[in-house]
N, C-alpha and C. Protein backbone atom coordinates (compact mmCIF):
# COMPACT_ATOMS: atom_id res chain seq x y z
N UNK A 1 -21.97 -2.36 10.57
CA UNK A 1 -22.78 -1.24 10.10
C UNK A 1 -21.89 -0.03 9.87
N UNK A 2 -22.03 0.63 8.70
CA UNK A 2 -21.19 1.81 8.43
C UNK A 2 -21.43 2.92 9.44
N UNK A 3 -20.40 3.70 9.67
CA UNK A 3 -20.49 4.82 10.60
C UNK A 3 -20.36 6.12 9.82
N UNK A 4 -21.20 7.10 10.15
CA UNK A 4 -21.15 8.40 9.50
C UNK A 4 -19.85 9.12 9.92
N UNK A 5 -19.10 9.60 8.93
CA UNK A 5 -17.85 10.30 9.21
C UNK A 5 -18.13 11.62 9.92
N UNK A 6 -19.25 12.25 9.58
CA UNK A 6 -19.56 13.58 10.11
C UNK A 6 -20.00 13.55 11.57
N UNK A 7 -20.99 12.69 11.88
CA UNK A 7 -21.54 12.71 13.25
C UNK A 7 -21.23 11.45 14.06
N UNK A 8 -20.75 10.39 13.39
CA UNK A 8 -20.40 9.17 14.10
C UNK A 8 -21.54 8.19 14.30
N UNK A 9 -22.74 8.50 13.79
CA UNK A 9 -23.89 7.61 13.95
C UNK A 9 -23.79 6.43 13.00
N UNK A 10 -24.24 5.26 13.46
CA UNK A 10 -24.30 4.09 12.60
C UNK A 10 -25.55 4.18 11.74
N UNK A 11 -25.42 3.82 10.45
CA UNK A 11 -26.59 3.87 9.58
C UNK A 11 -26.44 2.91 8.42
N UNK A 12 -27.58 2.54 7.83
CA UNK A 12 -27.63 1.73 6.63
C UNK A 12 -28.42 2.51 5.62
N UNK A 13 -27.93 2.57 4.38
CA UNK A 13 -28.64 3.30 3.34
C UNK A 13 -27.78 4.36 2.71
N UNK A 14 -28.46 5.22 1.94
CA UNK A 14 -27.73 6.25 1.19
C UNK A 14 -27.38 7.46 2.03
N UNK A 15 -28.18 7.74 3.08
CA UNK A 15 -27.93 8.93 3.92
C UNK A 15 -28.01 8.59 5.40
N UNK A 16 -27.22 9.33 6.16
CA UNK A 16 -27.26 9.19 7.62
C UNK A 16 -28.55 9.83 8.12
N UNK A 17 -29.37 9.08 8.88
CA UNK A 17 -30.63 9.66 9.38
C UNK A 17 -30.41 10.75 10.43
N UNK A 18 -29.25 10.75 11.10
CA UNK A 18 -29.01 11.73 12.15
C UNK A 18 -28.63 13.10 11.61
N UNK A 19 -27.74 13.15 10.59
CA UNK A 19 -27.27 14.45 10.10
C UNK A 19 -27.50 14.67 8.61
N UNK A 20 -27.92 13.64 7.89
CA UNK A 20 -28.19 13.80 6.46
C UNK A 20 -26.99 13.63 5.56
N UNK A 21 -25.82 13.29 6.11
CA UNK A 21 -24.61 13.09 5.31
C UNK A 21 -24.80 11.88 4.40
N UNK A 22 -24.41 12.02 3.13
CA UNK A 22 -24.56 10.90 2.19
C UNK A 22 -23.44 9.89 2.40
N UNK A 23 -23.72 8.63 2.05
CA UNK A 23 -22.73 7.57 2.20
C UNK A 23 -21.53 7.84 1.30
N UNK A 24 -21.77 8.39 0.09
CA UNK A 24 -20.66 8.64 -0.83
C UNK A 24 -19.74 9.74 -0.30
N UNK A 25 -20.32 10.78 0.32
CA UNK A 25 -19.46 11.84 0.86
C UNK A 25 -18.69 11.34 2.08
N UNK A 26 -19.29 10.40 2.84
CA UNK A 26 -18.58 9.79 3.96
C UNK A 26 -17.39 8.98 3.44
N UNK A 27 -17.59 8.28 2.32
CA UNK A 27 -16.50 7.51 1.72
C UNK A 27 -15.39 8.43 1.23
N UNK A 28 -15.77 9.56 0.62
CA UNK A 28 -14.77 10.52 0.16
C UNK A 28 -13.97 11.09 1.33
N UNK A 29 -14.65 11.38 2.42
CA UNK A 29 -13.98 11.91 3.60
C UNK A 29 -13.02 10.87 4.19
N UNK A 30 -13.46 9.60 4.21
CA UNK A 30 -12.58 8.54 4.71
C UNK A 30 -11.34 8.44 3.83
N UNK A 31 -11.52 8.46 2.50
CA UNK A 31 -10.38 8.39 1.59
C UNK A 31 -9.42 9.56 1.80
N UNK A 32 -9.96 10.75 2.08
CA UNK A 32 -9.12 11.91 2.34
C UNK A 32 -8.30 11.70 3.61
N UNK A 33 -8.93 11.14 4.65
CA UNK A 33 -8.22 10.88 5.90
C UNK A 33 -7.16 9.80 5.71
N UNK A 34 -7.49 8.75 4.95
CA UNK A 34 -6.54 7.66 4.72
C UNK A 34 -5.34 8.16 3.91
N UNK A 35 -5.58 9.09 2.99
CA UNK A 35 -4.49 9.64 2.18
C UNK A 35 -3.49 10.38 3.08
N UNK A 36 -4.01 11.07 4.08
CA UNK A 36 -3.14 11.79 5.03
C UNK A 36 -2.23 10.80 5.75
N UNK A 37 -2.79 9.66 6.20
CA UNK A 37 -1.98 8.65 6.88
C UNK A 37 -0.99 7.99 5.92
N UNK A 38 -1.42 7.80 4.66
CA UNK A 38 -0.54 7.18 3.66
C UNK A 38 0.67 8.06 3.40
N UNK A 39 0.47 9.37 3.35
CA UNK A 39 1.59 10.29 3.12
C UNK A 39 2.56 10.26 4.30
N UNK A 40 2.02 10.18 5.51
CA UNK A 40 2.88 10.08 6.70
C UNK A 40 3.66 8.78 6.68
N UNK A 41 3.00 7.70 6.28
CA UNK A 41 3.65 6.40 6.19
C UNK A 41 4.76 6.41 5.13
N UNK A 42 4.50 7.06 4.00
CA UNK A 42 5.50 7.17 2.94
C UNK A 42 6.70 7.99 3.41
N UNK A 43 6.44 9.07 4.14
CA UNK A 43 7.53 9.87 4.71
C UNK A 43 8.36 9.02 5.68
N UNK A 44 7.69 8.21 6.48
CA UNK A 44 8.40 7.32 7.40
C UNK A 44 9.26 6.30 6.67
N UNK A 45 8.74 5.76 5.55
CA UNK A 45 9.52 4.79 4.77
C UNK A 45 10.77 5.45 4.18
N UNK A 46 10.63 6.68 3.67
CA UNK A 46 11.81 7.40 3.19
C UNK A 46 12.79 7.65 4.34
N UNK A 47 12.25 7.94 5.53
CA UNK A 47 13.10 8.12 6.71
C UNK A 47 13.88 6.87 7.05
N UNK A 48 13.24 5.69 6.94
CA UNK A 48 13.93 4.41 7.19
C UNK A 48 15.07 4.23 6.19
N UNK A 49 14.80 4.52 4.92
CA UNK A 49 15.84 4.36 3.89
C UNK A 49 17.00 5.33 4.10
N UNK A 50 16.69 6.57 4.45
CA UNK A 50 17.75 7.58 4.67
C UNK A 50 18.57 7.22 5.91
N UNK A 51 17.90 6.84 7.01
CA UNK A 51 18.62 6.47 8.24
C UNK A 51 19.49 5.24 8.00
N UNK A 52 18.99 4.28 7.20
CA UNK A 52 19.78 3.08 6.89
C UNK A 52 20.99 3.42 6.01
N UNK A 53 20.85 4.45 5.21
CA UNK A 53 21.98 4.88 4.37
C UNK A 53 23.04 5.62 5.19
N UNK A 54 22.58 6.52 6.08
CA UNK A 54 23.52 7.32 6.88
C UNK A 54 24.19 6.51 7.98
N UNK A 55 23.43 5.61 8.61
CA UNK A 55 23.94 4.79 9.72
C UNK A 55 23.62 3.33 9.42
N UNK A 56 24.30 2.74 8.43
CA UNK A 56 23.92 1.39 7.99
C UNK A 56 24.11 0.33 9.07
N UNK A 57 23.01 -0.32 9.47
CA UNK A 57 23.14 -1.39 10.47
C UNK A 57 23.87 -2.59 9.87
N UNK A 58 24.61 -3.32 10.71
CA UNK A 58 25.28 -4.52 10.22
C UNK A 58 24.25 -5.53 9.72
N UNK A 59 23.15 -5.64 10.42
CA UNK A 59 22.05 -6.49 9.97
C UNK A 59 21.00 -5.58 9.35
N UNK A 60 21.18 -5.25 8.08
CA UNK A 60 20.36 -4.25 7.42
C UNK A 60 18.96 -4.75 7.08
N UNK A 61 18.82 -6.03 6.78
CA UNK A 61 17.53 -6.53 6.31
C UNK A 61 16.39 -6.44 7.32
N UNK A 62 16.58 -6.81 8.60
CA UNK A 62 15.44 -6.76 9.52
C UNK A 62 14.75 -5.39 9.63
N UNK A 63 15.50 -4.28 9.84
CA UNK A 63 14.78 -3.00 9.93
C UNK A 63 14.11 -2.59 8.62
N UNK A 64 14.75 -2.91 7.48
CA UNK A 64 14.14 -2.57 6.20
C UNK A 64 12.88 -3.39 5.95
N UNK A 65 12.94 -4.68 6.27
CA UNK A 65 11.76 -5.53 6.09
C UNK A 65 10.63 -5.12 7.03
N UNK A 66 10.99 -4.73 8.26
CA UNK A 66 9.98 -4.26 9.20
C UNK A 66 9.31 -2.99 8.67
N UNK A 67 10.11 -2.04 8.20
CA UNK A 67 9.56 -0.80 7.63
C UNK A 67 8.66 -1.07 6.45
N UNK A 68 9.09 -1.94 5.53
CA UNK A 68 8.27 -2.27 4.35
C UNK A 68 6.99 -3.00 4.75
N UNK A 69 7.11 -3.94 5.70
CA UNK A 69 5.93 -4.68 6.16
C UNK A 69 4.88 -3.76 6.77
N UNK A 70 5.34 -2.84 7.62
CA UNK A 70 4.41 -1.89 8.24
C UNK A 70 3.82 -0.94 7.21
N UNK A 71 4.61 -0.59 6.19
CA UNK A 71 4.12 0.30 5.14
C UNK A 71 3.00 -0.35 4.34
N UNK A 72 3.17 -1.64 4.01
CA UNK A 72 2.18 -2.32 3.17
C UNK A 72 1.02 -2.94 3.95
N UNK A 73 1.11 -3.02 5.28
CA UNK A 73 0.05 -3.62 6.08
C UNK A 73 -1.33 -3.02 5.81
N UNK A 74 -1.50 -1.68 5.85
CA UNK A 74 -2.84 -1.14 5.63
C UNK A 74 -3.35 -1.38 4.21
N UNK A 75 -2.45 -1.43 3.25
CA UNK A 75 -2.88 -1.70 1.87
C UNK A 75 -3.45 -3.10 1.76
N UNK A 76 -2.81 -4.06 2.43
CA UNK A 76 -3.31 -5.44 2.41
C UNK A 76 -4.67 -5.51 3.09
N UNK A 77 -4.79 -4.88 4.27
CA UNK A 77 -6.08 -4.87 4.98
C UNK A 77 -7.16 -4.20 4.13
N UNK A 78 -6.80 -3.10 3.47
CA UNK A 78 -7.75 -2.37 2.61
C UNK A 78 -8.26 -3.28 1.49
N UNK A 79 -7.34 -3.99 0.83
CA UNK A 79 -7.73 -4.88 -0.27
C UNK A 79 -8.60 -6.02 0.24
N UNK A 80 -8.23 -6.61 1.38
CA UNK A 80 -9.02 -7.72 1.94
C UNK A 80 -10.44 -7.25 2.27
N UNK A 81 -10.57 -6.09 2.89
CA UNK A 81 -11.90 -5.57 3.23
C UNK A 81 -12.70 -5.23 1.97
N UNK A 82 -12.04 -4.70 0.95
CA UNK A 82 -12.73 -4.36 -0.29
C UNK A 82 -13.20 -5.62 -1.02
N UNK A 83 -12.34 -6.64 -1.09
CA UNK A 83 -12.70 -7.88 -1.79
C UNK A 83 -13.82 -8.61 -1.04
N UNK A 84 -13.77 -8.58 0.28
CA UNK A 84 -14.81 -9.26 1.07
C UNK A 84 -16.08 -8.42 1.20
N UNK A 85 -16.07 -7.23 0.58
CA UNK A 85 -17.22 -6.31 0.58
C UNK A 85 -17.67 -5.92 1.99
N UNK A 86 -16.69 -5.84 2.90
CA UNK A 86 -17.00 -5.41 4.28
C UNK A 86 -16.35 -4.07 4.60
N UNK A 87 -15.87 -3.38 3.57
CA UNK A 87 -15.20 -2.09 3.78
C UNK A 87 -16.10 -1.08 4.49
N UNK A 88 -17.36 -0.91 4.05
CA UNK A 88 -18.20 0.08 4.75
C UNK A 88 -18.43 -0.25 6.22
N UNK A 89 -18.41 -1.54 6.55
CA UNK A 89 -18.64 -1.94 7.94
C UNK A 89 -17.39 -1.73 8.81
N UNK A 90 -16.24 -1.55 8.18
CA UNK A 90 -14.98 -1.51 8.93
C UNK A 90 -14.18 -0.23 8.70
N UNK A 91 -14.90 0.89 8.50
CA UNK A 91 -14.21 2.17 8.30
C UNK A 91 -13.28 2.49 9.47
N UNK A 92 -13.79 2.32 10.68
CA UNK A 92 -12.98 2.65 11.87
C UNK A 92 -11.75 1.76 11.99
N UNK A 93 -11.93 0.46 11.74
CA UNK A 93 -10.80 -0.47 11.79
C UNK A 93 -9.74 -0.06 10.78
N UNK A 94 -10.19 0.23 9.55
CA UNK A 94 -9.25 0.59 8.50
C UNK A 94 -8.50 1.88 8.85
N UNK A 95 -9.19 2.86 9.38
CA UNK A 95 -8.55 4.11 9.78
C UNK A 95 -7.51 3.86 10.86
N UNK A 96 -7.84 3.00 11.82
CA UNK A 96 -6.89 2.69 12.91
C UNK A 96 -5.66 1.95 12.37
N UNK A 97 -5.87 1.04 11.41
CA UNK A 97 -4.73 0.32 10.82
C UNK A 97 -3.82 1.28 10.08
N UNK A 98 -4.41 2.21 9.30
CA UNK A 98 -3.60 3.20 8.59
C UNK A 98 -2.82 4.08 9.57
N UNK A 99 -3.48 4.52 10.63
CA UNK A 99 -2.80 5.36 11.63
C UNK A 99 -1.69 4.60 12.33
N UNK A 100 -1.97 3.36 12.74
CA UNK A 100 -0.97 2.52 13.40
C UNK A 100 0.24 2.32 12.49
N UNK A 101 -0.01 2.01 11.23
CA UNK A 101 1.07 1.78 10.28
C UNK A 101 1.93 3.02 10.10
N UNK A 102 1.29 4.18 9.90
CA UNK A 102 2.03 5.42 9.69
C UNK A 102 2.91 5.75 10.89
N UNK A 103 2.34 5.67 12.08
CA UNK A 103 3.11 5.98 13.29
C UNK A 103 4.25 4.98 13.49
N UNK A 104 4.00 3.70 13.20
CA UNK A 104 5.02 2.67 13.39
C UNK A 104 6.19 2.85 12.44
N UNK A 105 5.91 3.17 11.18
CA UNK A 105 6.99 3.36 10.22
C UNK A 105 7.84 4.57 10.61
N UNK A 106 7.19 5.63 11.07
CA UNK A 106 7.93 6.82 11.53
C UNK A 106 8.79 6.46 12.75
N UNK A 107 8.26 5.62 13.65
CA UNK A 107 9.04 5.21 14.83
C UNK A 107 10.25 4.36 14.44
N UNK A 108 10.10 3.49 13.44
CA UNK A 108 11.24 2.69 12.97
C UNK A 108 12.31 3.62 12.41
N UNK A 109 11.90 4.62 11.63
CA UNK A 109 12.86 5.58 11.07
C UNK A 109 13.56 6.35 12.19
N UNK A 110 12.80 6.81 13.19
CA UNK A 110 13.39 7.55 14.31
C UNK A 110 14.35 6.65 15.11
N UNK A 111 13.95 5.39 15.29
CA UNK A 111 14.80 4.43 16.02
C UNK A 111 16.16 4.28 15.33
N UNK A 112 16.15 4.06 14.00
CA UNK A 112 17.40 3.89 13.25
C UNK A 112 18.24 5.16 13.26
N UNK A 113 17.57 6.30 13.09
CA UNK A 113 18.31 7.57 13.08
C UNK A 113 18.96 7.85 14.44
N UNK A 114 18.20 7.67 15.51
CA UNK A 114 18.76 7.91 16.86
C UNK A 114 19.83 6.90 17.21
N UNK A 115 19.63 5.65 16.79
CA UNK A 115 20.62 4.61 17.06
C UNK A 115 22.00 5.02 16.56
N UNK A 116 22.04 5.69 15.41
CA UNK A 116 23.33 6.12 14.86
C UNK A 116 23.73 7.52 15.29
N UNK A 117 22.80 8.48 15.18
CA UNK A 117 23.13 9.88 15.43
C UNK A 117 23.45 10.16 16.90
N UNK A 118 22.80 9.46 17.80
CA UNK A 118 23.01 9.72 19.23
C UNK A 118 24.00 8.75 19.86
N UNK A 119 24.64 7.91 19.05
CA UNK A 119 25.64 6.96 19.55
C UNK A 119 26.94 7.72 19.82
N UNK A 120 27.33 7.83 21.09
CA UNK A 120 28.52 8.58 21.46
C UNK A 120 29.70 7.68 21.82
N UNK A 121 29.53 6.37 21.69
CA UNK A 121 30.61 5.43 22.01
C UNK A 121 31.58 5.40 20.83
N UNK A 122 32.86 5.37 21.12
CA UNK A 122 33.88 5.34 20.06
C UNK A 122 33.75 4.07 19.22
N UNK A 123 34.05 4.23 17.94
CA UNK A 123 33.99 3.09 17.02
C UNK A 123 35.13 2.14 17.30
N UNK A 124 34.87 0.85 17.08
CA UNK A 124 35.91 -0.16 17.18
C UNK A 124 36.40 -0.50 15.78
N UNK A 125 37.68 -0.77 15.65
CA UNK A 125 38.25 -1.13 14.36
C UNK A 125 38.27 -2.64 14.23
N UNK A 126 37.57 -3.14 13.20
CA UNK A 126 37.49 -4.59 12.97
C UNK A 126 38.16 -4.92 11.64
N UNK A 127 38.84 -6.07 11.62
CA UNK A 127 39.45 -6.54 10.38
C UNK A 127 38.67 -7.73 9.85
N UNK A 128 38.58 -7.79 8.54
CA UNK A 128 37.88 -8.90 7.89
C UNK A 128 38.50 -9.13 6.53
N UNK A 129 38.20 -10.26 5.93
CA UNK A 129 38.68 -10.53 4.58
C UNK A 129 37.50 -10.64 3.63
N UNK A 130 37.71 -10.18 2.42
CA UNK A 130 36.64 -10.17 1.42
C UNK A 130 36.41 -11.60 0.92
N UNK A 131 35.16 -12.02 0.98
CA UNK A 131 34.78 -13.34 0.46
C UNK A 131 34.36 -13.20 -1.00
N UNK A 132 33.51 -12.22 -1.26
CA UNK A 132 33.07 -11.94 -2.63
C UNK A 132 32.52 -10.52 -2.67
N UNK A 133 32.25 -10.06 -3.87
CA UNK A 133 31.65 -8.73 -4.03
C UNK A 133 30.59 -8.82 -5.13
N UNK A 134 29.60 -7.91 -5.03
CA UNK A 134 28.57 -7.86 -6.07
C UNK A 134 27.98 -6.46 -6.14
N UNK A 135 27.42 -6.15 -7.29
CA UNK A 135 26.79 -4.84 -7.51
C UNK A 135 25.31 -5.08 -7.80
N UNK A 136 24.46 -4.25 -7.20
CA UNK A 136 23.02 -4.29 -7.48
C UNK A 136 22.68 -3.09 -8.36
N UNK A 137 22.33 -3.38 -9.58
CA UNK A 137 22.05 -2.30 -10.53
C UNK A 137 20.55 -2.04 -10.59
N UNK A 138 20.19 -0.81 -10.28
CA UNK A 138 18.80 -0.37 -10.41
C UNK A 138 18.64 0.44 -11.67
N UNK A 139 17.47 0.98 -11.83
CA UNK A 139 17.20 1.77 -13.04
C UNK A 139 18.02 3.06 -13.06
N UNK A 140 18.15 3.68 -11.88
CA UNK A 140 18.82 4.99 -11.82
C UNK A 140 20.14 4.97 -11.08
N UNK A 141 20.43 3.90 -10.35
CA UNK A 141 21.67 3.89 -9.58
C UNK A 141 22.15 2.45 -9.39
N UNK A 142 23.39 2.35 -8.94
CA UNK A 142 23.99 1.05 -8.66
C UNK A 142 24.54 1.09 -7.24
N UNK A 143 24.27 0.04 -6.47
CA UNK A 143 24.85 -0.05 -5.13
C UNK A 143 25.87 -1.17 -5.12
N UNK A 144 26.95 -0.95 -4.38
CA UNK A 144 28.08 -1.87 -4.37
C UNK A 144 28.21 -2.51 -2.99
N UNK A 145 28.45 -3.82 -2.97
CA UNK A 145 28.50 -4.56 -1.71
C UNK A 145 29.71 -5.48 -1.67
N UNK A 146 30.24 -5.62 -0.47
CA UNK A 146 31.27 -6.62 -0.19
C UNK A 146 30.69 -7.60 0.81
N UNK A 147 30.90 -8.88 0.57
CA UNK A 147 30.58 -9.91 1.56
C UNK A 147 31.91 -10.29 2.18
N UNK A 148 32.01 -10.08 3.51
CA UNK A 148 33.29 -10.28 4.20
C UNK A 148 33.11 -11.26 5.35
N UNK A 149 34.23 -11.82 5.81
CA UNK A 149 34.19 -12.71 6.97
C UNK A 149 33.76 -11.91 8.20
N UNK A 150 32.97 -12.53 9.05
CA UNK A 150 32.45 -11.82 10.23
C UNK A 150 33.45 -11.85 11.37
N UNK A 151 33.47 -10.78 12.14
CA UNK A 151 34.31 -10.68 13.33
C UNK A 151 33.48 -10.95 14.59
N UNK A 152 32.18 -11.18 14.39
CA UNK A 152 31.31 -11.45 15.54
C UNK A 152 31.42 -12.91 15.95
N UNK A 153 30.97 -13.21 17.18
CA UNK A 153 31.16 -14.54 17.75
C UNK A 153 30.41 -15.62 16.98
N UNK A 154 29.31 -15.25 16.29
CA UNK A 154 28.54 -16.27 15.57
C UNK A 154 29.19 -16.66 14.24
N UNK A 155 30.30 -16.00 13.90
CA UNK A 155 30.99 -16.33 12.65
C UNK A 155 30.17 -15.90 11.45
N UNK A 156 30.26 -16.68 10.39
CA UNK A 156 29.48 -16.36 9.20
C UNK A 156 30.09 -15.23 8.41
N UNK A 157 29.22 -14.39 7.86
CA UNK A 157 29.70 -13.29 7.01
C UNK A 157 28.89 -12.03 7.26
N UNK A 158 29.44 -10.93 6.80
CA UNK A 158 28.78 -9.63 6.88
C UNK A 158 28.64 -9.07 5.47
N UNK A 159 27.53 -8.42 5.21
CA UNK A 159 27.33 -7.76 3.92
C UNK A 159 27.45 -6.26 4.16
N UNK A 160 28.41 -5.61 3.49
CA UNK A 160 28.69 -4.19 3.71
C UNK A 160 28.49 -3.42 2.40
N UNK A 161 27.80 -2.30 2.51
CA UNK A 161 27.64 -1.42 1.35
C UNK A 161 28.87 -0.50 1.29
N UNK A 162 29.49 -0.38 0.12
CA UNK A 162 30.69 0.44 -0.02
C UNK A 162 30.54 1.35 -1.23
N UNK A 163 31.45 2.32 -1.33
CA UNK A 163 31.40 3.20 -2.51
C UNK A 163 32.08 2.52 -3.69
N UNK A 164 31.91 3.11 -4.84
CA UNK A 164 32.38 2.53 -6.11
C UNK A 164 33.89 2.29 -6.12
N UNK A 165 34.65 3.25 -5.59
CA UNK A 165 36.11 3.15 -5.61
C UNK A 165 36.60 1.97 -4.78
N UNK A 166 36.05 1.81 -3.57
CA UNK A 166 36.44 0.69 -2.71
C UNK A 166 36.06 -0.63 -3.39
N UNK A 167 34.86 -0.66 -3.98
CA UNK A 167 34.37 -1.88 -4.63
C UNK A 167 35.35 -2.35 -5.71
N UNK A 168 35.77 -1.44 -6.58
CA UNK A 168 36.65 -1.82 -7.68
C UNK A 168 38.09 -2.06 -7.23
N UNK A 169 38.45 -1.52 -6.07
CA UNK A 169 39.81 -1.73 -5.56
C UNK A 169 39.96 -3.07 -4.85
N UNK A 170 38.85 -3.73 -4.50
CA UNK A 170 38.91 -4.94 -3.69
C UNK A 170 38.73 -6.19 -4.55
N UNK A 171 39.30 -7.29 -4.06
CA UNK A 171 39.07 -8.59 -4.68
C UNK A 171 39.02 -9.64 -3.57
N UNK A 172 38.53 -10.82 -3.90
CA UNK A 172 38.38 -11.89 -2.90
C UNK A 172 39.72 -12.19 -2.23
N UNK A 173 39.69 -12.32 -0.91
CA UNK A 173 40.88 -12.62 -0.14
C UNK A 173 41.58 -11.41 0.45
N UNK A 174 41.28 -10.21 -0.05
CA UNK A 174 41.93 -9.01 0.49
C UNK A 174 41.39 -8.67 1.88
N UNK A 175 42.22 -8.01 2.66
CA UNK A 175 41.85 -7.61 4.01
C UNK A 175 41.27 -6.19 4.00
N UNK A 176 40.27 -5.97 4.84
CA UNK A 176 39.69 -4.63 5.00
C UNK A 176 39.59 -4.29 6.47
N UNK A 177 39.44 -3.00 6.74
CA UNK A 177 39.20 -2.50 8.10
C UNK A 177 37.83 -1.83 8.09
N UNK A 178 37.03 -2.14 9.11
CA UNK A 178 35.68 -1.59 9.23
C UNK A 178 35.55 -0.89 10.57
N UNK A 179 35.08 0.36 10.56
CA UNK A 179 34.79 1.06 11.82
C UNK A 179 33.36 0.72 12.23
N UNK A 180 33.22 0.07 13.38
CA UNK A 180 31.91 -0.41 13.83
C UNK A 180 31.53 0.29 15.13
N UNK A 181 30.30 0.82 15.16
CA UNK A 181 29.75 1.47 16.35
C UNK A 181 28.75 0.52 17.01
N UNK A 182 28.65 0.56 18.35
CA UNK A 182 27.70 -0.34 19.02
C UNK A 182 26.24 0.07 18.84
N UNK A 183 25.98 1.36 18.60
CA UNK A 183 24.61 1.84 18.45
C UNK A 183 23.99 2.21 19.79
N UNK A 184 23.25 3.31 19.81
CA UNK A 184 22.60 3.75 21.05
C UNK A 184 21.65 2.69 21.59
N UNK A 185 20.92 2.00 20.71
CA UNK A 185 19.96 0.98 21.11
C UNK A 185 20.50 -0.43 20.88
N UNK A 186 21.84 -0.57 20.90
CA UNK A 186 22.51 -1.86 20.75
C UNK A 186 22.26 -2.51 19.39
N UNK A 187 22.05 -1.69 18.37
CA UNK A 187 21.98 -2.17 16.99
C UNK A 187 23.26 -1.71 16.31
N UNK A 188 24.28 -2.59 16.17
CA UNK A 188 25.56 -2.15 15.63
C UNK A 188 25.45 -1.65 14.19
N UNK A 189 26.21 -0.59 13.92
CA UNK A 189 26.24 -0.02 12.57
C UNK A 189 27.68 0.30 12.21
N UNK A 190 27.96 0.39 10.92
CA UNK A 190 29.33 0.63 10.49
C UNK A 190 29.42 1.97 9.77
N UNK A 191 30.61 2.54 9.89
CA UNK A 191 30.80 3.90 9.39
C UNK A 191 31.69 3.95 8.16
N UNK A 192 32.75 3.16 8.14
CA UNK A 192 33.75 3.31 7.09
C UNK A 192 34.38 1.96 6.80
N UNK A 193 34.58 1.70 5.51
CA UNK A 193 35.26 0.49 5.08
C UNK A 193 36.47 0.90 4.26
N UNK A 194 37.67 0.44 4.66
CA UNK A 194 38.90 0.79 3.93
C UNK A 194 39.77 -0.44 3.76
N UNK A 195 40.52 -0.49 2.66
CA UNK A 195 41.46 -1.62 2.51
C UNK A 195 42.61 -1.51 3.49
N UNK A 196 43.18 -2.64 3.86
CA UNK A 196 44.33 -2.63 4.78
C UNK A 196 45.58 -2.17 4.02
């Protein structure tokens, strides 16, 4: 049963019998509240991207995927409720999902930022060799990456974002030095990539 945004009473029909608020104005008020949470969630997503750029984690995909998943969660729930025609019955649920998502994305951004900014442990110098390199070209910018041999115990490879000059100066088989920080929350991040 839909709930009146103004007084909180449950009602069926065009108007709330308790306060006279119309169902359409309740829907408009809900949309206004959801927009506020959406803006907070969008700010959190930008925070995740900025923190990942300033303090790039060695395993960059998990925090980015988590941030994106939390950002899109309320949109998926909103669409499911709208398609199933149960949106009016689940105003409170939808509002809670939007609020949860917004707060969670902001927390992921804060986690990544603090992990790098508050890390006071000295960086370790790691050596690796370039396996391959690739550039990701977007509409407005290009990002440059090196895939290098891993220095961690699990072996494998590491994907590092580098600037344009380093990218063009490197080729497969060359040695590089990477400054790696342990991270305040034990999420390692790298600061600088230079050729040997």
